[in-house]
Amino acid sequence: MGINSESDVAANIQIGPTTEGMVRIYIEGEGIDLPMDFSPEEAHEIAEELMAAAKTITAGK
């Protein structure tokens, strides 16, 4: 499955700080239990990538 592949899989996502000073992205769904921890610097990079992708989509409209 790639970035442009559609899927019928439903999942919930939660994002927040951990007590260890990390930023956690937690994905939960049927058969999925995936906590991913990132340093604050990595979280900023991910946020920038999300913003850039959103701008790309909205610029094309």
PDB file of N, CA and C in Angstrom:
ATOM      1  N   MET A   1       0.850  -1.167   0.000  1.00  0.00           N
ATOM      2  CA  MET A   1       0.000   0.000   0.000  1.00  0.00           C
ATOM      3  C   MET A   1       0.898   1.232   0.000  1.00  0.00           C
ATOM      4  N   GLY A   2       0.567   2.187  -0.843  1.00  0.00           N
ATOM      5  CA  GLY A   2       1.362   3.403  -0.923  1.00  0.00           C
ATOM      6  C   GLY A   2       0.562   4.619  -0.482  1.00  0.00           C
ATOM      7  N   ILE A   3       1.189   5.765  -0.595  1.00  0.00           N
ATOM      8  CA  ILE A   3       0.591   7.013  -0.144  1.00  0.00           C
ATOM      9  C   ILE A   3      -0.694   7.329  -0.901  1.00  0.00           C
ATOM     10  N   ASN A   4      -0.816   6.906  -2.140  1.00  0.00           N
ATOM     11  CA  ASN A   4      -2.000   7.207  -2.941  1.00  0.00           C
ATOM     12  C   ASN A   4      -3.002   6.062  -3.012  1.00  0.00           C
ATOM     13  N   SER A   5      -2.752   4.987  -2.278  1.00  0.00           N
ATOM     14  CA  SER A   5      -3.672   3.854  -2.269  1.00  0.00           C
ATOM     15  C   SER A   5      -4.811   4.110  -1.290  1.00  0.00           C
ATOM     16  N   GLU A   6      -6.042   3.879  -1.754  1.00  0.00           N
ATOM     17  CA  GLU A   6      -7.196   4.023  -0.876  1.00  0.00           C
ATOM     18  C   GLU A   6      -7.342   2.777  -0.012  1.00  0.00           C
ATOM     19  N   SER A   7      -7.973   2.962   1.150  1.00  0.00           N
ATOM     20  CA  SER A   7      -8.159   1.862   2.074  1.00  0.00           C
ATOM     21  C   SER A   7      -9.488   2.023   2.796  1.00  0.00           C
ATOM     22  N   ASP A   8     -10.090   0.910   3.163  1.00  0.00           N
ATOM     23  CA  ASP A   8     -11.315   0.924   3.953  1.00  0.00           C
ATOM     24  C   ASP A   8     -11.019   0.737   5.439  1.00  0.00           C
ATOM     25  N   VAL A   9      -9.766   0.712   5.822  1.00  0.00           N
ATOM     26  CA  VAL A   9      -9.388   0.529   7.214  1.00  0.00           C
ATOM     27  C   VAL A   9      -9.694   1.807   7.987  1.00  0.00           C
ATOM     28  N   ALA A  10     -10.399   1.673   9.094  1.00  0.00           N
ATOM     29  CA  ALA A  10     -10.699   2.818   9.948  1.00  0.00           C
ATOM     30  C   ALA A  10      -9.801   2.766  11.178  1.00  0.00           C
ATOM     31  N   ALA A  11      -9.324   3.923  11.589  1.00  0.00           N
ATOM     32  CA  ALA A  11      -8.459   3.984  12.767  1.00  0.00           C
ATOM     33  C   ALA A  11      -8.644   5.332  13.456  1.00  0.00           C
ATOM     34  N   ASN A  12      -8.333   5.362  14.727  1.00  0.00           N
ATOM     35  CA  ASN A  12      -8.341   6.589  15.515  1.00  0.00           C
ATOM     36  C   ASN A  12      -6.906   7.042  15.709  1.00  0.00           C
ATOM     37  N   ILE A  13      -6.703   8.351  15.782  1.00  0.00           N
ATOM     38  CA  ILE A  13      -5.371   8.891  16.007  1.00  0.00           C
ATOM     39  C   ILE A  13      -5.432   9.862  17.181  1.00  0.00           C
ATOM     40  N   GLN A  14      -4.453   9.760  18.047  1.00  0.00           N
ATOM     41  CA  GLN A  14      -4.303  10.687  19.159  1.00  0.00           C
ATOM     42  C   GLN A  14      -2.876  11.223  19.123  1.00  0.00           C
ATOM     43  N   ILE A  15      -2.719  12.496  19.423  1.00  0.00           N
ATOM     44  CA  ILE A  15      -1.398  13.122  19.433  1.00  0.00           C
ATOM     45  C   ILE A  15      -1.257  13.911  20.726  1.00  0.00           C
ATOM     46  N   GLY A  16      -0.143  13.719  21.425  1.00  0.00           N
ATOM     47  CA  GLY A  16       0.059  14.468  22.655  1.00  0.00           C
ATOM     48  C   GLY A  16       1.434  14.209  23.248  1.00  0.00           C
ATOM     49  N   PRO A  17       1.761  14.953  24.300  1.00  0.00           N
ATOM     50  CA  PRO A  17       3.055  14.792  24.957  1.00  0.00           C
ATOM     51  C   PRO A  17       3.056  13.586  25.896  1.00  0.00           C
ATOM     52  N   THR A  18       4.233  13.002  26.075  1.00  0.00           N
ATOM     53  CA  THR A  18       4.392  11.922  27.046  1.00  0.00           C
ATOM     54  C   THR A  18       5.073  12.478  28.292  1.00  0.00           C
ATOM     55  N   THR A  19       5.062  11.704  29.353  1.00  0.00           N
ATOM     56  CA  THR A  19       5.721  12.130  30.594  1.00  0.00           C
ATOM     57  C   THR A  19       7.243  12.101  30.464  1.00  0.00           C
ATOM     58  N   GLU A  20       7.751  11.474  29.393  1.00  0.00           N
ATOM     59  CA  GLU A  20       9.199  11.412  29.161  1.00  0.00           C
ATOM     60  C   GLU A  20       9.693  12.528  28.239  1.00  0.00           C
ATOM     61  N   GLY A  21       8.818  13.496  27.921  1.00  0.00           N
ATOM     62  CA  GLY A  21       9.244  14.620  27.094  1.00  0.00           C
ATOM     63  C   GLY A  21       9.235  14.349  25.601  1.00  0.00           C
ATOM     64  N   MET A  22       8.511  13.340  25.189  1.00  0.00           N
ATOM     65  CA  MET A  22       8.394  13.013  23.777  1.00  0.00           C
ATOM     66  C   MET A  22       7.001  13.413  23.295  1.00  0.00           C
ATOM     67  N   VAL A  23       6.832  13.447  21.984  1.00  0.00           N
ATOM     68  CA  VAL A  23       5.516  13.654  21.393  1.00  0.00           C
ATOM     69  C   VAL A  23       5.084  12.309  20.835  1.00  0.00           C
ATOM     70  N   ARG A  24       3.901  11.853  21.257  1.00  0.00           N
ATOM     71  CA  ARG A  24       3.424  10.549  20.816  1.00  0.00           C
ATOM     72  C   ARG A  24       2.282  10.709  19.825  1.00  0.00           C
ATOM     73  N   ILE A  25       2.397   9.996  18.712  1.00  0.00           N
ATOM     74  CA  ILE A  25       1.288   9.805  17.788  1.00  0.00           C
ATOM     75  C   ILE A  25       0.837   8.369  18.006  1.00  0.00           C
ATOM     76  N   TYR A  26      -0.417   8.222  18.420  1.00  0.00           N
ATOM     77  CA  TYR A  26      -0.943   6.901  18.755  1.00  0.00           C
ATOM     78  C   TYR A  26      -2.077   6.570  17.791  1.00  0.00           C
ATOM     79  N   ILE A  27      -1.916   5.472  17.072  1.00  0.00           N
ATOM     80  CA  ILE A  27      -2.918   5.026  16.105  1.00  0.00           C
ATOM     81  C   ILE A  27      -3.511   3.715  16.598  1.00  0.00           C
ATOM     82  N   GLU A  28      -4.845   3.679  16.631  1.00  0.00           N
ATOM     83  CA  GLU A  28      -5.542   2.499  17.136  1.00  0.00           C
ATOM     84  C   GLU A  28      -6.702   2.169  16.212  1.00  0.00           C
ATOM     85  N   GLY A  29      -6.805   0.913  15.862  1.00  0.00           N
ATOM     86  CA  GLY A  29      -7.896   0.444  15.023  1.00  0.00           C
ATOM     87  C   GLY A  29      -7.998  -1.067  15.128  1.00  0.00           C
ATOM     88  N   GLU A  30      -8.818  -1.650  14.286  1.00  0.00           N
ATOM     89  CA  GLU A  30      -8.977  -3.094  14.309  1.00  0.00           C
ATOM     90  C   GLU A  30      -7.658  -3.761  13.944  1.00  0.00           C
ATOM     91  N   GLY A  31      -7.051  -4.438  14.906  1.00  0.00           N
ATOM     92  CA  GLY A  31      -5.778  -5.114  14.689  1.00  0.00           C
ATOM     93  C   GLY A  31      -4.579  -4.184  14.685  1.00  0.00           C
ATOM     94  N   ILE A  32      -4.795  -2.908  15.047  1.00  0.00           N
ATOM     95  CA  ILE A  32      -3.708  -1.922  15.042  1.00  0.00           C
ATOM     96  C   ILE A  32      -3.609  -1.277  16.420  1.00  0.00           C
ATOM     97  N   ASP A  33      -2.433  -1.270  16.983  1.00  0.00           N
ATOM     98  CA  ASP A  33      -2.151  -0.585  18.243  1.00  0.00           C
ATOM     99  C   ASP A  33      -0.721  -0.058  18.111  1.00  0.00           C
ATOM    100  N   LEU A  34      -0.584   1.176  17.614  1.00  0.00           N
ATOM    101  CA  LEU A  34       0.718   1.661  17.197  1.00  0.00           C
ATOM    102  C   LEU A  34       1.073   2.994  17.857  1.00  0.00           C
ATOM    103  N   PRO A  35       1.849   2.944  18.947  1.00  0.00           N
ATOM    104  CA  PRO A  35       2.358   4.179  19.525  1.00  0.00           C
ATOM    105  C   PRO A  35       3.695   4.538  18.870  1.00  0.00           C
ATOM    106  N   MET A  36       3.829   5.793  18.449  1.00  0.00           N
ATOM    107  CA  MET A  36       5.078   6.249  17.837  1.00  0.00           C
ATOM    108  C   MET A  36       5.539   7.495  18.582  1.00  0.00           C
ATOM    109  N   ASP A  37       6.724   7.441  19.160  1.00  0.00           N
ATOM    110  CA  ASP A  37       7.259   8.561  19.926  1.00  0.00           C
ATOM    111  C   ASP A  37       8.314   9.309  19.122  1.00  0.00           C
ATOM    112  N   PHE A  38       8.259  10.648  19.218  1.00  0.00           N
ATOM    113  CA  PHE A  38       9.177  11.512  18.488  1.00  0.00           C
ATOM    114  C   PHE A  38       9.722  12.577  19.421  1.00  0.00           C
ATOM    115  N   SER A  39      10.954  12.975  19.188  1.00  0.00           N
ATOM    116  CA  SER A  39      11.515  14.095  19.939  1.00  0.00           C
ATOM    117  C   SER A  39      10.751  15.352  19.525  1.00  0.00           C
ATOM    118  N   PRO A  40      10.790  16.409  20.335  1.00  0.00           N
ATOM    119  CA  PRO A  40      10.126  17.647  19.936  1.00  0.00           C
ATOM    120  C   PRO A  40      10.611  18.163  18.579  1.00  0.00           C
ATOM    121  N   GLU A  41      11.892  18.012  18.294  1.00  0.00           N
ATOM    122  CA  GLU A  41      12.424  18.459  17.003  1.00  0.00           C
ATOM    123  C   GLU A  41      11.825  17.658  15.850  1.00  0.00           C
ATOM    124  N   GLU A  42      11.743  16.334  16.031  1.00  0.00           N
ATOM    125  CA  GLU A  42      11.142  15.488  15.004  1.00  0.00           C
ATOM    126  C   GLU A  42       9.663  15.834  14.817  1.00  0.00           C
ATOM    127  N   ALA A  43       8.969  16.120  15.919  1.00  0.00           N
ATOM    128  CA  ALA A  43       7.553  16.481  15.849  1.00  0.00           C
ATOM    129  C   ALA A  43       7.366  17.770  15.055  1.00  0.00           C
ATOM    130  N   HIS A  44       8.267  18.736  15.239  1.00  0.00           N
ATOM    131  CA  HIS A  44       8.194  19.977  14.462  1.00  0.00           C
ATOM    132  C   HIS A  44       8.386  19.690  12.980  1.00  0.00           C
ATOM    133  N   GLU A  45       9.314  18.792  12.650  1.00  0.00           N
ATOM    134  CA  GLU A  45       9.544  18.431  11.246  1.00  0.00           C
ATOM    135  C   GLU A  45       8.298  17.772  10.645  1.00  0.00           C
ATOM    136  N   ILE A  46       7.665  16.885  11.409  1.00  0.00           N
ATOM    137  CA  ILE A  46       6.452  16.215  10.937  1.00  0.00           C
ATOM    138  C   ILE A  46       5.347  17.251  10.724  1.00  0.00           C
ATOM    139  N   ALA A  47       5.210  18.180  11.663  1.00  0.00           N
ATOM    140  CA  ALA A  47       4.192  19.231  11.537  1.00  0.00           C
ATOM    141  C   ALA A  47       4.441  20.074  10.288  1.00  0.00           C
ATOM    142  N   GLU A  48       5.689  20.390  10.021  1.00  0.00           N
ATOM    143  CA  GLU A  48       6.023  21.168   8.822  1.00  0.00           C
ATOM    144  C   GLU A  48       5.674  20.390   7.553  1.00  0.00           C
ATOM    145  N   GLU A  49       5.930  19.085   7.547  1.00  0.00           N
ATOM    146  CA  GLU A  49       5.584  18.257   6.396  1.00  0.00           C
ATOM    147  C   GLU A  49       4.079  18.194   6.198  1.00  0.00           C
ATOM    148  N   LEU A  50       3.315  18.103   7.284  1.00  0.00           N
ATOM    149  CA  LEU A  50       1.857  18.112   7.190  1.00  0.00           C
ATOM    150  C   LEU A  50       1.354  19.434   6.624  1.00  0.00           C
ATOM    151  N   MET A  51       1.902  20.532   7.103  1.00  0.00           N
ATOM    152  CA  MET A  51       1.492  21.855   6.623  1.00  0.00           C
ATOM    153  C   MET A  51       1.838  22.019   5.137  1.00  0.00           C
ATOM    154  N   ALA A  52       3.012  21.566   4.725  1.00  0.00           N
ATOM    155  CA  ALA A  52       3.417  21.672   3.329  1.00  0.00           C
ATOM    156  C   ALA A  52       2.498  20.854   2.435  1.00  0.00           C
ATOM    157  N   ALA A  53       2.121  19.659   2.875  1.00  0.00           N
ATOM    158  CA  ALA A  53       1.220  18.828   2.088  1.00  0.00           C
ATOM    159  C   ALA A  53      -0.157  19.478   1.970  1.00  0.00           C
ATOM    160  N   ALA A  54      -0.648  20.040   3.069  1.00  0.00           N
ATOM    161  CA  ALA A  54      -1.946  20.707   3.046  1.00  0.00           C
ATOM    162  C   ALA A  54      -1.915  21.921   2.122  1.00  0.00           C
ATOM    163  N   LYS A  55      -0.823  22.683   2.169  1.00  0.00           N
ATOM    164  CA  LYS A  55      -0.699  23.855   1.288  1.00  0.00           C
ATOM    165  C   LYS A  55      -0.670  23.432  -0.180  1.00  0.00           C
ATOM    166  N   THR A  56      -0.015  22.320  -0.477  1.00  0.00           N
ATOM    167  CA  THR A  56       0.045  21.816  -1.846  1.00  0.00           C
ATOM    168  C   THR A  56      -1.359  21.508  -2.363  1.00  0.00           C
ATOM    169  N   ILE A  57      -2.146  20.882  -1.525  1.00  0.00           N
ATOM    170  CA  ILE A  57      -3.515  20.527  -1.919  1.00  0.00           C
ATOM    171  C   ILE A  57      -4.371  21.773  -2.086  1.00  0.00           C
ATOM    172  N   THR A  58      -4.318  22.697  -1.133  1.00  0.00           N
ATOM    173  CA  THR A  58      -5.174  23.885  -1.212  1.00  0.00           C
ATOM    174  C   THR A  58      -4.718  24.837  -2.327  1.00  0.00           C
ATOM    175  N   ALA A  59      -3.448  24.837  -2.667  1.00  0.00           N
ATOM    176  CA  ALA A  59      -2.955  25.699  -3.748  1.00  0.00           C
ATOM    177  C   ALA A  59      -3.469  25.221  -5.098  1.00  0.00           C
ATOM    178  N   GLY A  60      -3.754  23.929  -5.207  1.00  0.00           N
ATOM    179  CA  GLY A  60      -4.230  23.364  -6.456  1.00  0.00           C
ATOM    180  C   GLY A  60      -5.716  23.556  -6.695  1.00  0.00           C
ATOM    181  N   LYS A  61      -6.429  24.124  -5.724  1.00  0.00           N
ATOM    182  CA  LYS A  61      -7.896  24.309  -5.860  1.00  0.00           C
ATOM    183  C   LYS A  61      -8.225  25.655  -6.430  1.00  0.00           C
TER     184      LYS A  61
END
